[in-house]
Amino acid sequence: MNDLYDSLVHDEGYLKVFRDMLILGVAGTNGAGKDSLMDLLRDVGFLVYNTSDHLREVARASLGSTDRGGNDSPMGRVGNAERTRYPGGMVELGLIDWWARASHLPDDLRPRGLVIGSIRGTGEVERLHLVGGRLILIDADPRVRYERITGRSRTDELGQSFADFMSKETAEMAVGQTDPTKFGMDAVIKAADIVVQNNGTLAEFPEKVKQTLHQHGIDLSL
């Protein structure tokens, strides 16, 4: 089975599938609004591959935990195994998903583009750029982000103090880490092509995203 995947992801025909299509990667700090951004893009016709959903499912099944917080956490270990296995890590899984589900469809049935998020390693950014994709970074003030995560009900985030929140963020930032098989959010942030600052309300968010992407030549109108 591994040989089949290797032959696919290195095949010139596979890589040609992604030419002349709009591919967006999403990265960001915890609680910044990555899922909201991906939901918005889904609503305007993009196929979305949510890497965190994939990692949670596998980490819960294999390790009994969806805890996050850097390379040694359950989510980190599963993600790093994927990054070690594929040239583009979690981005590769998103590309394979498009290849399997949408690349063969006629134009009138094909989504307007592919969104992969969230991206957390330098190898994923390199693969995204190789196929012509652009990386969107979404960020917000740490206190704003902490208030957001305390209002949602993910098991791995319940009962976190602000200090715990920042400690996990420091671990995921992994300043100085450039190994493509590891978490390295600091390097990913620096590689962003588009930056969305999301300190406002949920109601203000869609227009903020549309304006920012429009400035970079991406029209989200239906």
Foldseek 3Di string as FASTA:
>chain_A
DLVVVVCQVPPPVLLVLLPPAEEEEEAEAAQLQRVVVQVLLVVLFAAEDELLVVLQVVLCVPVVDSAAFWCPDSSNVVQLVQLVSDQQGQLVVQSVVCVVPASPDPPVPHTRHYYYDDDFAQSNVVVCVVSPYAYEYGYEDLVLSLVSLCPDDDPNRDPDDSVNSVNSRVNQCPPPDHPRSTGHRVVVVVRHPFYQYRHDDPVCPVVSVQVRVVVVVDHSDD
